Amino acid sequence: MKTYCAGVLGVFLLVAGFLSPEVRAQAAAEAHVAAAKAAAGEDYARMFENLCSVPAPPGERAARPYPPPASEWDAEPAKVFDNLYYVGSKTVGSWAVTTSEGIIIIDALFEYSVEEEIVNGLKKLGLDPAQIKYVVVSHAHGDHYAGAPFLQDRLKAPILMSAADWDYIAGQRNPSKPRRDQVVTDGQKLTLGDTTITMYLTPGHTPGTISFLIPVRDGARQHLASMWGGTAFNFPRTAENFRIYANSAQKFTEIVKSNPVDIVLTNHPANSHVHEKISALRGRQDYEPHPFVVGKDSQLSHLTVASECAQAQMARLAAGGR
């Protein structure tokens, strides 16, 4: 993959000096798209299509009922590792990290799904929701934070978010916003009992998106999961915003490279085939490979798609596109 990407960019640099700025920018966009597609393969094809596609003209969205019927979002909870559980919905992820002194929840879902997916999901798994000690919100979009007030009020669980995203939600009209609680700083370690997760500020998707390193266990085997905190380009399409996003992807890439990461987690399950991997866990024997253990190169490919698509969109702007 690295050789291919280098070759594409090398050809582009060779001819760039003979082209107009707009044509050079378009050629750069195409080179970044090619690099992202090569990195995506089949594992991250959906992410590639979402991030690298030419944006469609703005149009009216068809009205949909809110909240949507449970058939559209309700998913069964699942044990993924000895200390990691999926308690998210069909389309939005939430992860429960169990420790010797309680539970850490990563992402709180919508206000209409939090009780069924997280609270009742934990009960279905034989876990006690009253043991939730922290709720970390990866970024300030309603599908990840709107359920937080329920956990804050019902279970007295403190909510953690970056300062930039606490400020960001303060200006949003969503009526389901948690009270400002604890602030996450870059590289902060959150220790609960026998487990420490590490949180990094990776702005781009939102002003204060958080990405994670999470240690997990599979019997006697120790693993390290990483989670890129936000994926889509649902922000104002400016060169600076894409530059911030790409820089954060590169920052987290270096963090992944320097740690023994071998698991990719996402907070939207379709971005890493979470539900398919959960299905593959059913009936798995201890001696069989774990479907979530995909190796460090897989996470690096995931981040390459994010970075290259952001750079492609930035180049399209320079070429005069939207």
Protein backbone atom coordinates (compact mmCIF):
# COMPACT_ATOMS: atom_id res chain seq x y z
CA MET A 1 0.00 0.00 0.00
CA LYS A 2 2.76 2.49 0.91
CA THR A 3 4.63 1.81 -2.36
CA TYR A 4 1.49 2.37 -4.40
CA CYS A 5 0.67 5.67 -2.64
CA ALA A 6 4.23 6.91 -3.05
CA GLY A 7 4.13 6.06 -6.75
CA VAL A 8 0.90 7.95 -7.35
CA LEU A 9 2.16 11.04 -5.56
CA GLY A 10 5.55 10.79 -7.27
CA VAL A 11 4.00 10.91 -10.74
CA PHE A 12 1.89 13.86 -9.69
CA LEU A 13 4.93 15.80 -8.45
CA LEU A 14 6.83 15.05 -11.66
CA VAL A 15 4.25 16.72 -13.89
CA ALA A 16 2.94 19.34 -11.48
CA GLY A 17 5.32 22.06 -12.58
CA PHE A 18 3.85 22.12 -16.11
CA LEU A 19 0.22 22.60 -15.06
CA SER A 20 -1.95 25.58 -14.08
CA PRO A 21 -2.72 25.96 -10.34
CA GLU A 22 -6.29 24.73 -10.84
CA VAL A 23 -5.22 21.70 -12.86
CA ARG A 24 -2.47 20.92 -10.33
CA ALA A 25 -5.04 21.09 -7.53
CA GLN A 26 -7.39 18.74 -9.39
CA ALA A 27 -4.53 16.35 -10.08
CA ALA A 28 -3.62 16.47 -6.39
CA ALA A 29 -7.22 15.68 -5.47
CA GLU A 30 -7.21 12.66 -7.77
CA ALA A 31 -3.90 11.46 -6.31
CA HIS A 32 -5.24 11.71 -2.75
CA VAL A 33 -8.43 9.87 -3.75
CA ALA A 34 -6.36 7.08 -5.30
CA ALA A 35 -4.26 6.79 -2.15
CA ALA A 36 -7.38 6.67 0.02
CA LYS A 37 -9.00 4.01 -2.18
CA ALA A 38 -5.89 1.84 -2.03
CA ALA A 39 -5.83 2.13 1.77
CA ALA A 40 -9.56 1.46 2.15
CA GLY A 41 -9.71 -1.89 0.38
CA GLU A 42 -12.89 -3.72 1.36
CA ASP A 43 -12.54 -3.06 5.08
CA TYR A 44 -13.12 0.69 4.85
CA ALA A 45 -14.87 0.97 1.48
CA ARG A 46 -17.96 2.62 2.97
CA MET A 47 -15.85 5.20 4.77
CA PHE A 48 -13.95 5.91 1.53
CA GLU A 49 -17.18 6.41 -0.41
CA ASN A 50 -18.57 8.77 2.22
CA LEU A 51 -15.44 10.89 2.64
CA CYS A 52 -13.87 10.99 -0.81
CA SER A 53 -16.97 11.41 -2.97
CA VAL A 54 -17.65 14.70 -4.72
CA PRO A 55 -20.24 16.47 -2.53
CA ALA A 56 -23.76 16.48 -3.92
CA PRO A 57 -25.54 19.79 -4.45
CA PRO A 58 -27.51 20.87 -1.39
CA GLY A 59 -31.14 19.84 -1.48
CA GLU A 60 -34.13 19.41 0.74
CA ARG A 61 -34.22 16.39 2.99
CA ALA A 62 -37.36 14.37 3.22
CA ALA A 63 -39.10 14.77 6.55
CA ARG A 64 -38.71 11.77 8.83
CA PRO A 65 -40.50 10.95 12.07
CA TYR A 66 -38.60 11.84 15.25
CA PRO A 67 -37.86 9.82 17.17
CA PRO A 68 -37.64 7.09 14.52
CA PRO A 69 -39.27 3.73 15.26
CA ALA A 70 -37.20 1.34 17.35
CA SER A 71 -37.00 -1.07 14.43
CA GLU A 72 -34.62 1.40 12.75
CA TRP A 73 -32.14 1.69 15.62
CA ASP A 74 -32.54 -1.01 18.27
CA ALA A 75 -29.66 -3.52 18.37
CA GLU A 76 -28.85 -6.35 20.75
CA PRO A 77 -25.97 -5.65 23.16
CA ALA A 78 -22.94 -7.90 22.95
CA LYS A 79 -19.84 -8.93 24.86
CA VAL A 80 -16.89 -8.22 22.57
CA PHE A 81 -13.94 -8.79 24.92
CA ASP A 82 -13.73 -9.81 28.58
CA ASN A 83 -13.86 -6.13 29.56
CA LEU A 84 -15.50 -4.50 26.53
CA TYR A 85 -19.16 -4.56 25.52
CA TYR A 86 -21.14 -3.06 22.66
CA VAL A 87 -24.22 -1.22 23.93
CA GLY A 88 -24.87 0.95 20.88
CA SER A 89 -27.59 0.99 18.26
CA LYS A 90 -27.66 -0.19 14.67
CA THR A 91 -26.11 3.06 13.43
CA VAL A 92 -24.47 4.77 16.43
CA GLY A 93 -21.90 3.14 18.66
CA SER A 94 -21.58 3.08 22.43
CA TRP A 95 -18.96 1.01 24.24
CA ALA A 96 -18.85 -0.13 27.87
CA VAL A 97 -15.42 -0.71 29.40
CA THR A 98 -15.69 -2.75 32.59
CA THR A 99 -13.08 -2.42 35.32
CA SER A 100 -12.52 -3.68 38.85
CA GLU A 101 -14.19 -0.53 40.20
CA GLY A 102 -17.00 0.17 37.77
CA ILE A 103 -17.88 0.94 34.16
CA ILE A 104 -16.72 3.60 31.69
CA ILE A 105 -19.17 4.39 28.89
CA ILE A 106 -17.85 5.86 25.65
CA ASP A 107 -20.62 7.82 23.90
CA ALA A 108 -24.18 8.24 25.15
CA LEU A 109 -26.33 7.90 21.99
CA PHE A 110 -29.58 9.80 21.34
CA GLU A 111 -31.95 10.73 24.14
CA TYR A 112 -34.56 8.30 22.76
CA SER A 113 -32.22 5.29 22.64
CA VAL A 114 -29.97 5.69 25.70
CA GLU A 115 -32.20 3.86 28.18
CA GLU A 116 -32.94 0.89 25.95
CA GLU A 117 -29.47 0.46 24.46
CA ILE A 118 -27.13 1.41 27.32
CA VAL A 119 -29.09 0.94 30.55
CA ASN A 120 -31.20 -2.04 29.54
CA GLY A 121 -28.39 -3.34 27.35
CA LEU A 122 -26.06 -3.54 30.34
CA LYS A 123 -28.75 -5.38 32.30
CA LYS A 124 -29.17 -7.90 29.49
CA LEU A 125 -25.43 -8.53 29.66
CA GLY A 126 -25.58 -9.13 33.42
CA LEU A 127 -23.99 -5.78 34.25
CA ASP A 128 -25.28 -3.15 36.68
CA PRO A 129 -25.91 0.31 35.15
CA ALA A 130 -25.49 1.81 38.63
CA GLN A 131 -21.79 0.92 38.27
CA ILE A 132 -21.30 3.51 35.51
CA LYS A 133 -18.65 5.82 36.95
CA TYR A 134 -17.77 7.89 33.88
CA VAL A 135 -19.37 8.73 30.53
CA VAL A 136 -16.90 10.05 27.94
CA VAL A 137 -18.44 11.78 24.92
CA SER A 138 -16.17 11.51 21.91
CA HIS A 139 -17.58 14.59 20.21
CA ALA A 140 -20.37 17.15 20.44
CA HIS A 141 -22.96 15.80 18.02
CA GLY A 142 -26.40 14.94 19.33
CA ASP A 143 -26.23 11.27 18.38
CA HIS A 144 -23.32 10.93 20.82
CA TYR A 145 -24.23 13.34 23.63
CA ALA A 146 -28.04 13.70 23.73
CA GLY A 147 -28.39 10.62 25.92
CA ALA A 148 -25.86 11.97 28.43
CA PRO A 149 -28.37 13.99 30.55
CA PHE A 150 -30.31 10.77 31.22
CA LEU A 151 -27.17 9.07 32.56
CA GLN A 152 -26.15 12.23 34.40
CA ASP A 153 -29.53 12.63 36.12
CA ARG A 154 -30.68 9.03 36.56
CA LEU A 155 -27.35 7.42 37.46
CA LYS A 156 -25.37 10.46 38.67
CA ALA A 157 -22.63 9.60 36.20
CA PRO A 158 -20.17 12.44 35.45
CA ILE A 159 -19.90 13.43 31.80
CA LEU A 160 -16.46 14.02 30.25
CA MET A 161 -15.89 16.04 27.09
CA SER A 162 -13.19 18.34 25.71
CA ALA A 163 -13.38 22.03 26.59
CA ALA A 164 -13.82 22.97 22.93
CA ASP A 165 -16.79 20.64 22.57
CA TRP A 166 -18.37 21.76 25.84
CA ASP A 167 -18.24 25.26 24.35
CA TYR A 168 -19.53 23.94 21.03
CA ILE A 169 -22.69 22.37 22.43
CA ALA A 170 -23.41 25.48 24.47
CA GLY A 171 -24.31 27.19 21.20
CA GLN A 172 -26.51 24.35 19.91
CA ARG A 173 -30.30 24.36 20.13
CA ASN A 174 -30.64 20.70 21.07
CA PRO A 175 -32.73 20.65 24.27
CA SER A 176 -31.03 17.45 25.42
CA LYS A 177 -27.62 18.76 26.48
CA PRO A 178 -25.68 17.58 29.55
CA ARG A 179 -24.62 20.05 32.21
CA ARG A 180 -20.96 20.98 31.85
CA ASP A 181 -19.09 18.49 34.02
CA GLN A 182 -15.50 17.29 33.58
CA VAL A 183 -13.04 18.48 30.90
CA VAL A 184 -10.77 16.13 28.95
CA THR A 185 -7.27 17.34 28.08
CA ASP A 186 -4.91 16.07 25.39
CA GLY A 187 -3.20 12.82 26.37
CA GLN A 188 -5.22 12.53 29.58
CA LYS A 189 -5.31 9.11 31.22
CA LEU A 190 -8.58 8.04 32.83
CA THR A 191 -7.96 5.30 35.37
CA LEU A 192 -10.75 3.34 37.00
CA GLY A 193 -9.70 0.34 39.06
CA ASP A 194 -7.44 -1.92 37.03
CA THR A 195 -7.96 -0.15 33.68
CA THR A 196 -6.57 3.05 32.15
CA ILE A 197 -7.82 4.50 28.89
CA THR A 198 -5.94 7.33 27.20
CA MET A 199 -7.70 10.20 25.46
CA TYR A 200 -6.29 12.48 22.77
CA LEU A 201 -7.72 15.68 21.33
CA THR A 202 -8.11 15.24 17.57
CA PRO A 203 -10.13 18.24 16.36
CA GLY A 204 -11.69 18.26 12.93
CA HIS A 205 -15.00 16.39 13.00
CA THR A 206 -15.88 18.82 15.79
CA PRO A 207 -13.67 21.44 17.46
CA GLY A 208 -12.75 19.08 20.30
CA THR A 209 -13.15 15.50 19.06
CA ILE A 210 -11.53 12.88 21.32
CA SER A 211 -9.81 9.69 20.11
CA PHE A 212 -8.93 6.79 22.39
CA LEU A 213 -6.57 3.98 23.29
CA ILE A 214 -8.36 1.27 25.28
CA PRO A 215 -6.74 -1.88 26.73
CA VAL A 216 -8.87 -5.00 26.40
CA ARG A 217 -8.56 -8.66 27.38
CA ASP A 218 -9.45 -11.90 25.63
CA GLY A 219 -8.76 -14.58 28.19
CA ALA A 220 -5.03 -14.48 28.88
CA ARG A 221 -4.38 -12.35 25.79
CA GLN A 222 -3.90 -8.61 26.17
CA HIS A 223 -4.82 -6.26 23.32
CA LEU A 224 -4.94 -2.52 22.68
CA ALA A 225 -7.88 -0.96 20.85
CA SER A 226 -7.85 2.46 19.24
CA MET A 227 -10.83 4.56 18.25
CA TRP A 228 -10.76 7.55 15.89
CA GLY A 229 -13.32 9.82 17.50
CA GLY A 230 -15.09 11.32 14.51
CA THR A 231 -15.29 10.52 10.83
CA ALA A 232 -17.64 12.47 8.57
CA PHE A 233 -16.94 15.87 7.01
CA ASN A 234 -20.14 17.42 8.35
CA PHE A 235 -18.56 20.81 9.03
CA PRO A 236 -18.24 24.00 6.92
CA ARG A 237 -16.25 23.03 3.82
CA THR A 238 -13.24 25.31 4.19
CA ALA A 239 -9.60 24.53 3.46
CA GLU A 240 -8.71 25.29 7.08
CA ASN A 241 -11.27 22.83 8.46
CA PHE A 242 -10.01 20.06 6.18
CA ARG A 243 -6.42 20.93 7.13
CA ILE A 244 -7.25 20.65 10.85
CA TYR A 245 -8.91 17.28 10.25
CA ALA A 246 -6.00 15.92 8.20
CA ASN A 247 -3.48 17.13 10.78
CA SER A 248 -5.39 15.35 13.55
CA ALA A 249 -5.49 12.14 11.51
CA GLN A 250 -1.71 12.36 11.12
CA LYS A 251 -1.30 13.05 14.84
CA PHE A 252 -3.34 9.98 15.78
CA THR A 253 -1.48 7.94 13.16
CA GLU A 254 1.79 8.66 14.99
CA ILE A 255 0.16 7.70 18.30
CA VAL A 256 -1.04 4.40 16.83
CA LYS A 257 2.39 3.71 15.33
CA SER A 258 4.07 4.11 18.72
CA ASN A 259 1.64 1.81 20.58
CA PRO A 260 0.82 -1.92 20.22
CA VAL A 261 -2.61 -1.27 18.68
CA ASP A 262 -4.26 -4.30 17.08
CA ILE A 263 -7.99 -3.50 17.29
CA VAL A 264 -10.07 -0.89 15.44
CA LEU A 265 -13.16 0.45 17.19
CA THR A 266 -15.51 3.03 15.72
CA ASN A 267 -18.44 5.02 17.09
CA HIS A 268 -20.47 4.36 13.96
CA PRO A 269 -20.52 0.57 13.52
CA ALA A 270 -20.74 0.57 9.72
CA ASN A 271 -17.32 2.24 9.51
CA SER A 272 -15.56 -0.90 10.74
CA HIS A 273 -18.15 -3.70 10.25
CA VAL A 274 -18.88 -3.86 13.99
CA HIS A 275 -22.16 -5.76 13.69
CA GLU A 276 -20.68 -8.26 11.25
CA LYS A 277 -17.77 -8.89 13.63
CA ILE A 278 -20.17 -9.33 16.54
CA SER A 279 -22.07 -11.92 14.50
CA ALA A 280 -18.77 -13.70 13.82
CA LEU A 281 -18.14 -13.89 17.58
CA ARG A 282 -21.17 -16.09 18.13
CA GLY A 283 -20.03 -19.64 18.60
CA ARG A 284 -16.35 -18.70 18.48
CA GLN A 285 -14.05 -21.12 20.25
CA ASP A 286 -11.20 -19.86 22.45
CA TYR A 287 -8.58 -21.14 20.02
CA GLU A 288 -10.13 -19.36 17.02
CA PRO A 289 -9.04 -15.87 15.89
CA HIS A 290 -10.95 -12.96 17.34
CA PRO A 291 -12.71 -11.04 14.53
CA PHE A 292 -11.98 -7.66 16.12
CA VAL A 293 -8.22 -8.30 16.29
CA VAL A 294 -7.16 -6.96 12.89
CA GLY A 295 -3.64 -5.62 13.53
CA LYS A 296 -2.04 -2.19 13.61
CA ASP A 297 -1.86 -1.86 9.82
CA SER A 298 -5.65 -1.97 9.64
CA GLN A 299 -6.00 1.07 11.90
CA LEU A 300 -3.27 2.85 9.95
CA SER A 301 -5.22 2.17 6.75
CA HIS A 302 -8.37 3.50 8.41
CA LEU A 303 -6.59 6.73 9.33
CA THR A 304 -5.02 6.96 5.87
CA VAL A 305 -8.50 7.01 4.36
CA ALA A 306 -9.48 9.84 6.72
CA SER A 307 -6.36 11.88 6.02
CA GLU A 308 -6.20 11.37 2.26
CA CYS A 309 -9.90 12.11 1.73
CA ALA A 310 -9.59 15.31 3.77
CA GLN A 311 -6.65 16.36 1.61
CA ALA A 312 -8.59 15.44 -1.53
CA GLN A 313 -11.49 17.66 -0.50
CA MET A 314 -9.07 20.48 0.34
CA ALA A 315 -7.48 20.15 -3.12
CA ARG A 316 -10.91 20.21 -4.77
CA LEU A 317 -11.58 23.54 -3.09
CA ALA A 318 -8.29 24.86 -4.46
CA ALA A 319 -9.33 23.66 -7.91
CA GLY A 320 -12.47 25.73 -7.69
CA GLY A 321 -14.85 22.98 -6.61
CA ARG A 322 -17.09 22.96 -3.55
